[in-house]
């Protein structure tokens, strides 16, 4: 239940932040996350990326938190995490999906391939798999992300 409340809070925070920021198509911030969820194509065009510097066991890195919602529906979206500048297979961790205030979480079946992940704020890749809810699951296919932050 705490994860669901945290996830809903993250979506609400995303909407409040994005309402105050510009989202021009001039190479600045923005982008989108697209996916087919249970057979329905979805586009999440409100994307917020938070970079947090973390130091553990003498190693410092930046963890990216990506929250993607739709400009037409704040009750649906993805949240996921990855380390800045990590590329390759399965570098995204802790996938979450929210639909109508119901949370779905990764239990290890999500896969990802990140092709671009730069320190100057460019993120591209693909993802797919099954996310589990308390009562049912959602199948995610054809997931893509193309983000500037």
N, C-alpha and C. Protein backbone atom coordinates (compact mmCIF):
# COMPACT_ATOMS: atom_id res chain seq x y z
N UNK A 1 0.82 -1.19 0.00
CA UNK A 1 0.00 0.00 0.00
C UNK A 1 0.87 1.25 0.00
N UNK A 2 2.00 1.22 0.74
CA UNK A 2 2.90 2.37 0.77
C UNK A 2 3.43 2.67 -0.63
N UNK A 3 3.74 1.60 -1.41
CA UNK A 3 4.26 1.81 -2.76
C UNK A 3 3.22 2.48 -3.63
N UNK A 4 1.96 2.10 -3.48
CA UNK A 4 0.90 2.70 -4.29
C UNK A 4 0.75 4.17 -3.94
N UNK A 5 0.77 4.50 -2.66
CA UNK A 5 0.65 5.89 -2.23
C UNK A 5 1.84 6.69 -2.74
N UNK A 6 3.06 6.13 -2.66
CA UNK A 6 4.25 6.79 -3.16
C UNK A 6 4.15 7.01 -4.66
N UNK A 7 3.66 6.02 -5.38
CA UNK A 7 3.54 6.10 -6.82
C UNK A 7 2.53 7.18 -7.21
N UNK A 8 1.37 7.20 -6.54
CA UNK A 8 0.35 8.21 -6.82
C UNK A 8 0.92 9.60 -6.50
N UNK A 9 1.68 9.72 -5.43
CA UNK A 9 2.30 10.99 -5.08
C UNK A 9 3.29 11.44 -6.14
N UNK A 10 4.06 10.50 -6.68
CA UNK A 10 5.03 10.82 -7.73
C UNK A 10 4.31 11.33 -8.98
N UNK A 11 3.20 10.71 -9.34
CA UNK A 11 2.44 11.15 -10.50
C UNK A 11 1.89 12.56 -10.25
N UNK A 12 1.34 12.81 -9.07
CA UNK A 12 0.80 14.13 -8.74
C UNK A 12 1.90 15.19 -8.77
N UNK A 13 3.08 14.86 -8.24
CA UNK A 13 4.21 15.79 -8.26
C UNK A 13 4.62 16.09 -9.69
N UNK A 14 4.63 15.08 -10.53
CA UNK A 14 4.98 15.25 -11.93
C UNK A 14 4.05 16.24 -12.60
N UNK A 15 2.76 16.08 -12.34
CA UNK A 15 1.79 16.97 -12.96
C UNK A 15 1.96 18.40 -12.46
N UNK A 16 2.26 18.59 -11.19
CA UNK A 16 2.42 19.94 -10.67
C UNK A 16 3.69 20.59 -11.20
N UNK A 17 4.76 19.81 -11.34
CA UNK A 17 6.01 20.35 -11.88
C UNK A 17 5.85 20.67 -13.35
N UNK A 18 5.25 19.77 -14.10
CA UNK A 18 5.13 19.97 -15.55
C UNK A 18 4.19 21.13 -15.87
N UNK A 19 3.27 21.42 -15.00
CA UNK A 19 2.35 22.52 -15.25
C UNK A 19 3.07 23.86 -15.21
N UNK A 20 4.24 23.91 -14.58
CA UNK A 20 4.97 25.15 -14.44
C UNK A 20 6.18 25.23 -15.36
N UNK A 21 6.45 24.22 -16.15
CA UNK A 21 7.65 24.24 -16.98
C UNK A 21 7.27 24.30 -18.45
N UNK A 22 8.21 24.83 -19.24
CA UNK A 22 7.96 24.87 -20.68
C UNK A 22 8.34 23.53 -21.28
N UNK A 23 7.73 23.21 -22.40
CA UNK A 23 7.99 21.94 -23.06
C UNK A 23 8.04 22.20 -24.57
N UNK A 24 9.06 22.96 -25.00
CA UNK A 24 9.21 23.30 -26.39
C UNK A 24 9.85 22.16 -27.15
N UNK A 25 9.63 22.12 -28.45
CA UNK A 25 10.22 21.10 -29.30
C UNK A 25 11.50 21.61 -29.95
N UNK A 26 12.25 22.44 -29.25
CA UNK A 26 13.45 23.03 -29.82
C UNK A 26 14.73 22.36 -29.32
N UNK A 27 14.64 21.11 -28.89
CA UNK A 27 15.82 20.43 -28.39
C UNK A 27 15.99 20.59 -26.90
N UNK A 28 15.05 21.29 -26.24
CA UNK A 28 15.12 21.47 -24.80
C UNK A 28 14.63 20.23 -24.09
N UNK A 29 13.90 20.41 -23.01
CA UNK A 29 13.39 19.26 -22.26
C UNK A 29 12.13 18.73 -22.88
N UNK A 30 11.81 17.49 -22.56
CA UNK A 30 10.57 16.89 -23.05
C UNK A 30 10.80 15.50 -23.57
N UNK A 31 10.01 15.15 -24.53
CA UNK A 31 10.09 13.82 -25.10
C UNK A 31 8.84 13.04 -24.77
N UNK A 32 8.93 11.72 -24.96
CA UNK A 32 7.76 10.91 -24.68
C UNK A 32 8.16 9.47 -24.42
N UNK A 33 7.22 8.78 -23.79
CA UNK A 33 7.31 7.34 -23.58
C UNK A 33 6.06 6.76 -24.24
N UNK A 34 6.24 5.75 -25.08
CA UNK A 34 5.11 5.10 -25.72
C UNK A 34 5.15 3.61 -25.38
N UNK A 35 4.00 2.98 -25.37
CA UNK A 35 3.92 1.54 -25.11
C UNK A 35 2.53 1.05 -25.48
N UNK A 36 2.45 -0.24 -25.74
CA UNK A 36 1.16 -0.90 -25.90
C UNK A 36 0.90 -1.61 -24.58
N UNK A 37 -0.19 -1.23 -23.90
CA UNK A 37 -0.53 -1.79 -22.60
C UNK A 37 -1.82 -2.59 -22.76
N UNK A 38 -1.72 -3.88 -22.54
CA UNK A 38 -2.87 -4.79 -22.73
C UNK A 38 -3.51 -4.59 -24.09
N UNK A 39 -2.68 -4.43 -25.13
CA UNK A 39 -3.17 -4.32 -26.49
C UNK A 39 -3.59 -2.94 -26.94
N UNK A 40 -3.49 -1.93 -26.06
CA UNK A 40 -3.90 -0.57 -26.39
C UNK A 40 -2.67 0.33 -26.45
N UNK A 41 -2.46 0.99 -27.59
CA UNK A 41 -1.33 1.90 -27.75
C UNK A 41 -1.52 3.13 -26.88
N UNK A 42 -0.45 3.50 -26.15
CA UNK A 42 -0.50 4.64 -25.24
C UNK A 42 0.70 5.55 -25.51
N UNK A 43 0.50 6.86 -25.34
CA UNK A 43 1.58 7.84 -25.42
C UNK A 43 1.57 8.67 -24.15
N UNK A 44 2.72 8.75 -23.50
CA UNK A 44 2.89 9.54 -22.28
C UNK A 44 3.83 10.68 -22.63
N UNK A 45 3.26 11.87 -22.79
CA UNK A 45 4.01 13.00 -23.32
C UNK A 45 4.39 14.05 -22.29
N UNK A 46 4.10 13.80 -21.04
CA UNK A 46 4.55 14.67 -19.95
C UNK A 46 5.58 13.87 -19.18
N UNK A 47 6.85 14.23 -19.38
CA UNK A 47 7.95 13.45 -18.81
C UNK A 47 8.79 14.33 -17.91
N UNK A 48 9.01 13.85 -16.69
CA UNK A 48 9.87 14.55 -15.73
C UNK A 48 10.97 13.58 -15.31
N UNK A 49 12.21 14.05 -15.37
CA UNK A 49 13.35 13.25 -14.96
C UNK A 49 14.03 13.96 -13.79
N UNK A 50 14.21 13.24 -12.69
CA UNK A 50 14.91 13.76 -11.54
C UNK A 50 16.23 13.01 -11.40
N UNK A 51 17.34 13.74 -11.34
CA UNK A 51 18.66 13.12 -11.17
C UNK A 51 19.13 13.36 -9.74
N UNK A 52 19.35 12.28 -9.01
CA UNK A 52 19.79 12.37 -7.63
C UNK A 52 21.19 11.79 -7.51
N UNK A 53 22.11 12.58 -6.95
CA UNK A 53 23.48 12.10 -6.74
C UNK A 53 23.52 11.24 -5.50
N UNK A 54 24.06 10.03 -5.65
CA UNK A 54 24.12 9.06 -4.55
C UNK A 54 25.56 8.61 -4.38
N UNK A 55 25.99 8.50 -3.12
CA UNK A 55 27.31 7.95 -2.82
C UNK A 55 27.12 6.74 -1.93
N UNK A 56 27.59 5.59 -2.42
CA UNK A 56 27.52 4.33 -1.67
C UNK A 56 28.86 3.63 -1.76
N UNK A 57 29.38 3.24 -0.64
CA UNK A 57 30.63 2.50 -0.56
C UNK A 57 31.73 3.16 -1.38
N UNK A 58 31.82 4.49 -1.26
CA UNK A 58 32.87 5.25 -1.93
C UNK A 58 32.63 5.53 -3.40
N UNK A 59 31.52 5.05 -3.95
CA UNK A 59 31.20 5.29 -5.36
C UNK A 59 30.07 6.30 -5.46
N UNK A 60 30.26 7.31 -6.32
CA UNK A 60 29.24 8.32 -6.53
C UNK A 60 28.67 8.16 -7.94
N UNK A 61 27.35 8.20 -8.03
CA UNK A 61 26.66 8.09 -9.31
C UNK A 61 25.36 8.87 -9.23
N UNK A 62 24.73 9.06 -10.39
CA UNK A 62 23.43 9.73 -10.43
C UNK A 62 22.36 8.72 -10.79
N UNK A 63 21.33 8.65 -9.95
CA UNK A 63 20.18 7.81 -10.22
C UNK A 63 19.10 8.68 -10.84
N UNK A 64 18.57 8.24 -11.97
CA UNK A 64 17.49 8.95 -12.64
C UNK A 64 16.16 8.34 -12.28
N UNK A 65 15.22 9.17 -11.88
CA UNK A 65 13.83 8.77 -11.68
C UNK A 65 13.04 9.38 -12.82
N UNK A 66 12.41 8.54 -13.63
CA UNK A 66 11.64 9.01 -14.78
C UNK A 66 10.16 8.77 -14.49
N UNK A 67 9.37 9.83 -14.59
CA UNK A 67 7.92 9.74 -14.42
C UNK A 67 7.28 10.27 -15.71
N UNK A 68 6.50 9.41 -16.35
CA UNK A 68 5.87 9.77 -17.62
C UNK A 68 4.36 9.61 -17.50
N UNK A 69 3.64 10.70 -17.75
CA UNK A 69 2.18 10.68 -17.74
C UNK A 69 1.67 11.27 -19.05
N UNK A 70 0.38 11.25 -19.22
CA UNK A 70 -0.23 11.79 -20.42
C UNK A 70 -0.78 13.18 -20.15
N UNK A 71 -0.67 14.03 -21.13
CA UNK A 71 -1.24 15.38 -20.98
C UNK A 71 -2.76 15.33 -20.95
N UNK A 72 -3.34 14.20 -21.34
CA UNK A 72 -4.80 14.07 -21.33
C UNK A 72 -5.33 13.27 -20.15
N UNK A 73 -4.42 12.61 -19.38
CA UNK A 73 -4.87 11.82 -18.23
C UNK A 73 -3.77 11.71 -17.20
N UNK A 74 -3.97 12.34 -16.06
CA UNK A 74 -2.98 12.28 -14.99
C UNK A 74 -3.11 11.02 -14.15
N UNK A 75 -4.08 10.18 -14.45
CA UNK A 75 -4.30 8.97 -13.64
C UNK A 75 -3.64 7.73 -14.23
N UNK A 76 -2.78 7.94 -15.24
CA UNK A 76 -2.12 6.81 -15.87
C UNK A 76 -0.70 7.21 -16.23
N UNK A 77 0.26 6.30 -15.96
CA UNK A 77 1.63 6.62 -16.33
C UNK A 77 2.63 5.59 -15.84
N UNK A 78 3.87 5.77 -16.27
CA UNK A 78 4.99 4.92 -15.89
C UNK A 78 5.95 5.67 -15.00
N UNK A 79 6.58 4.95 -14.08
CA UNK A 79 7.73 5.43 -13.33
C UNK A 79 8.78 4.34 -13.39
N UNK A 80 10.03 4.74 -13.62
CA UNK A 80 11.12 3.77 -13.58
C UNK A 80 12.41 4.47 -13.22
N UNK A 81 13.41 3.67 -12.89
CA UNK A 81 14.68 4.16 -12.40
C UNK A 81 15.83 3.54 -13.18
N UNK A 82 16.90 4.32 -13.35
CA UNK A 82 18.14 3.81 -13.92
C UNK A 82 19.26 4.76 -13.56
N UNK A 83 20.49 4.29 -13.66
CA UNK A 83 21.64 5.13 -13.36
C UNK A 83 22.04 5.90 -14.61
N UNK A 84 22.36 7.19 -14.41
CA UNK A 84 22.77 8.02 -15.53
C UNK A 84 24.00 7.43 -16.20
N UNK A 85 24.01 7.44 -17.51
CA UNK A 85 25.08 6.97 -18.39
C UNK A 85 25.17 5.45 -18.51
N UNK A 86 24.29 4.68 -17.84
CA UNK A 86 24.25 3.23 -18.05
C UNK A 86 23.49 2.94 -19.33
N UNK A 87 24.07 2.11 -20.18
CA UNK A 87 23.41 1.67 -21.40
C UNK A 87 23.47 0.15 -21.47
N UNK A 88 22.66 -0.42 -22.34
CA UNK A 88 22.67 -1.86 -22.52
C UNK A 88 21.36 -2.49 -22.10
N UNK A 89 21.41 -3.80 -21.92
CA UNK A 89 20.21 -4.57 -21.57
C UNK A 89 19.91 -4.49 -20.08
N UNK A 90 18.64 -4.30 -19.77
CA UNK A 90 18.10 -4.39 -18.41
C UNK A 90 18.78 -3.47 -17.40
N UNK A 91 19.11 -2.25 -17.81
CA UNK A 91 19.65 -1.27 -16.87
C UNK A 91 18.54 -0.48 -16.17
N UNK A 92 17.31 -0.55 -16.71
CA UNK A 92 16.17 0.05 -16.02
C UNK A 92 15.73 -0.90 -14.92
N UNK A 93 15.44 -0.36 -13.74
CA UNK A 93 14.95 -1.18 -12.65
C UNK A 93 13.75 -0.51 -11.99
N UNK A 94 12.97 -1.31 -11.31
CA UNK A 94 11.80 -0.85 -10.57
C UNK A 94 10.78 -0.16 -11.46
N UNK A 95 10.34 -0.85 -12.51
CA UNK A 95 9.25 -0.36 -13.36
C UNK A 95 7.97 -0.31 -12.53
N UNK A 96 7.19 0.74 -12.75
CA UNK A 96 5.87 0.85 -12.13
C UNK A 96 4.92 1.45 -13.15
N UNK A 97 3.67 1.05 -13.08
CA UNK A 97 2.64 1.57 -13.97
C UNK A 97 1.41 1.86 -13.12
N UNK A 98 0.80 3.00 -13.35
CA UNK A 98 -0.40 3.39 -12.61
C UNK A 98 -1.52 3.61 -13.61
N UNK A 99 -2.67 2.98 -13.34
CA UNK A 99 -3.85 3.21 -14.17
C UNK A 99 -5.06 3.31 -13.26
N UNK A 100 -5.72 4.47 -13.30
CA UNK A 100 -6.89 4.72 -12.46
C UNK A 100 -6.62 4.43 -10.99
N UNK A 101 -5.48 4.91 -10.52
CA UNK A 101 -5.05 4.77 -9.12
C UNK A 101 -4.80 3.32 -8.69
N UNK A 102 -4.60 2.42 -9.64
CA UNK A 102 -4.21 1.04 -9.34
C UNK A 102 -2.77 0.87 -9.80
N UNK A 103 -1.91 0.43 -8.88
CA UNK A 103 -0.50 0.27 -9.19
C UNK A 103 -0.14 -1.13 -9.65
N UNK A 104 0.79 -1.19 -10.62
CA UNK A 104 1.33 -2.45 -11.13
C UNK A 104 2.84 -2.36 -11.03
N UNK A 105 3.48 -3.45 -10.59
CA UNK A 105 4.90 -3.42 -10.29
C UNK A 105 5.62 -4.56 -10.99
N UNK A 106 6.89 -4.36 -11.24
CA UNK A 106 7.71 -5.38 -11.90
C UNK A 106 8.13 -6.44 -10.89
N UNK A 107 7.92 -7.69 -11.26
CA UNK A 107 8.38 -8.78 -10.41
C UNK A 107 9.52 -9.54 -11.08
N UNK A 108 10.17 -8.88 -12.03
CA UNK A 108 11.34 -9.46 -12.67
C UNK A 108 11.18 -9.82 -14.13
N UNK A 109 9.99 -9.61 -14.71
CA UNK A 109 9.79 -10.00 -16.10
C UNK A 109 10.01 -8.87 -17.10
N UNK A 110 10.16 -7.64 -16.63
CA UNK A 110 10.37 -6.52 -17.55
C UNK A 110 11.79 -6.58 -18.11
N UNK A 111 11.90 -6.28 -19.38
CA UNK A 111 13.21 -6.18 -20.03
C UNK A 111 13.34 -4.80 -20.64
N UNK A 112 14.59 -4.35 -20.76
CA UNK A 112 14.83 -3.04 -21.36
C UNK A 112 16.14 -3.06 -22.12
N UNK A 113 16.24 -2.15 -23.07
CA UNK A 113 17.48 -1.94 -23.81
C UNK A 113 17.65 -0.43 -23.96
N UNK A 114 18.66 0.10 -23.30
CA UNK A 114 18.92 1.54 -23.36
C UNK A 114 20.07 1.78 -24.33
N UNK A 115 19.80 2.55 -25.38
CA UNK A 115 20.82 2.80 -26.41
C UNK A 115 21.53 4.13 -26.21
N UNK A 116 20.85 5.10 -25.57
CA UNK A 116 21.43 6.42 -25.31
C UNK A 116 21.08 6.83 -23.89
N UNK A 117 22.10 7.25 -23.13
CA UNK A 117 21.89 7.70 -21.75
C UNK A 117 23.07 8.60 -21.40
N UNK A 118 22.94 9.88 -21.71
CA UNK A 118 24.08 10.80 -21.60
C UNK A 118 23.98 11.70 -20.37
N UNK A 119 25.14 12.18 -19.94
CA UNK A 119 25.20 13.10 -18.80
C UNK A 119 24.57 14.44 -19.13
N UNK A 120 24.46 14.77 -20.42
CA UNK A 120 23.85 16.05 -20.79
C UNK A 120 22.35 15.92 -21.06
N UNK A 121 21.73 14.81 -20.65
CA UNK A 121 20.28 14.73 -20.60
C UNK A 121 19.57 14.15 -21.80
N UNK A 122 20.10 13.11 -22.37
CA UNK A 122 19.42 12.43 -23.47
C UNK A 122 19.25 10.96 -23.10
N UNK A 123 18.04 10.42 -23.28
CA UNK A 123 17.72 9.05 -22.88
C UNK A 123 16.84 8.42 -23.96
N UNK A 124 17.31 7.27 -24.51
CA UNK A 124 16.54 6.55 -25.53
C UNK A 124 16.64 5.06 -25.27
N UNK A 125 15.55 4.34 -25.57
CA UNK A 125 15.59 2.90 -25.42
C UNK A 125 14.23 2.26 -25.64
N UNK A 126 14.17 0.96 -25.30
CA UNK A 126 12.95 0.18 -25.45
C UNK A 126 12.72 -0.65 -24.19
N UNK A 127 11.47 -1.10 -24.01
CA UNK A 127 11.14 -1.95 -22.86
C UNK A 127 9.88 -2.76 -23.14
N UNK A 128 9.72 -3.86 -22.39
CA UNK A 128 8.52 -4.70 -22.50
C UNK A 128 8.48 -5.68 -21.35
N UNK A 129 7.33 -6.31 -21.14
CA UNK A 129 7.19 -7.32 -20.10
C UNK A 129 5.83 -7.27 -19.44
N UNK A 130 5.72 -7.95 -18.30
CA UNK A 130 4.47 -8.01 -17.55
C UNK A 130 4.66 -7.34 -16.20
N UNK A 131 3.70 -6.49 -15.83
CA UNK A 131 3.69 -5.84 -14.53
C UNK A 131 2.54 -6.41 -13.72
N UNK A 132 2.80 -6.67 -12.45
CA UNK A 132 1.82 -7.34 -11.60
C UNK A 132 1.11 -6.37 -10.67
N UNK A 133 -0.22 -6.55 -10.58
CA UNK A 133 -1.02 -5.82 -9.63
C UNK A 133 -1.50 -6.76 -8.55
N UNK A 134 -2.26 -6.26 -7.61
CA UNK A 134 -2.77 -7.11 -6.53
C UNK A 134 -3.78 -8.12 -7.04
N UNK A 135 -4.60 -7.73 -8.03
CA UNK A 135 -5.65 -8.62 -8.52
C UNK A 135 -5.44 -9.10 -9.95
N UNK A 136 -4.68 -8.36 -10.75
CA UNK A 136 -4.42 -8.76 -12.13
C UNK A 136 -3.10 -8.19 -12.61
N UNK A 137 -2.73 -8.51 -13.83
CA UNK A 137 -1.48 -8.07 -14.42
C UNK A 137 -1.76 -7.24 -15.66
N UNK A 138 -0.75 -6.48 -16.11
CA UNK A 138 -0.82 -5.80 -17.40
C UNK A 138 0.40 -6.23 -18.21
N UNK A 139 0.18 -6.41 -19.51
CA UNK A 139 1.25 -6.79 -20.43
C UNK A 139 1.66 -5.55 -21.21
N UNK A 140 2.95 -5.24 -21.18
CA UNK A 140 3.50 -4.07 -21.85
C UNK A 140 4.36 -4.55 -23.01
N UNK A 141 4.04 -4.09 -24.22
CA UNK A 141 4.84 -4.41 -25.40
C UNK A 141 5.17 -3.12 -26.14
N UNK A 142 6.13 -3.19 -27.04
CA UNK A 142 6.48 -2.07 -27.92
C UNK A 142 6.82 -0.79 -27.15
N UNK A 143 7.35 -0.90 -25.95
CA UNK A 143 7.69 0.28 -25.17
C UNK A 143 8.92 1.00 -25.73
N UNK A 144 8.79 2.30 -25.89
CA UNK A 144 9.93 3.12 -26.33
C UNK A 144 10.02 4.36 -25.46
N UNK A 145 11.22 4.87 -25.31
CA UNK A 145 11.40 6.15 -24.64
C UNK A 145 12.39 6.98 -25.43
N UNK A 146 12.06 8.23 -25.56
CA UNK A 146 12.91 9.21 -26.25
C UNK A 146 12.74 10.51 -25.47
N UNK A 147 13.70 10.79 -24.58
CA UNK A 147 13.53 11.84 -23.58
C UNK A 147 14.73 12.79 -23.60
N UNK A 148 14.43 14.08 -23.44
CA UNK A 148 15.44 15.13 -23.22
C UNK A 148 15.15 15.75 -21.87
N UNK A 149 16.16 15.89 -21.04
CA UNK A 149 15.94 16.52 -19.73
C UNK A 149 17.09 17.41 -19.35
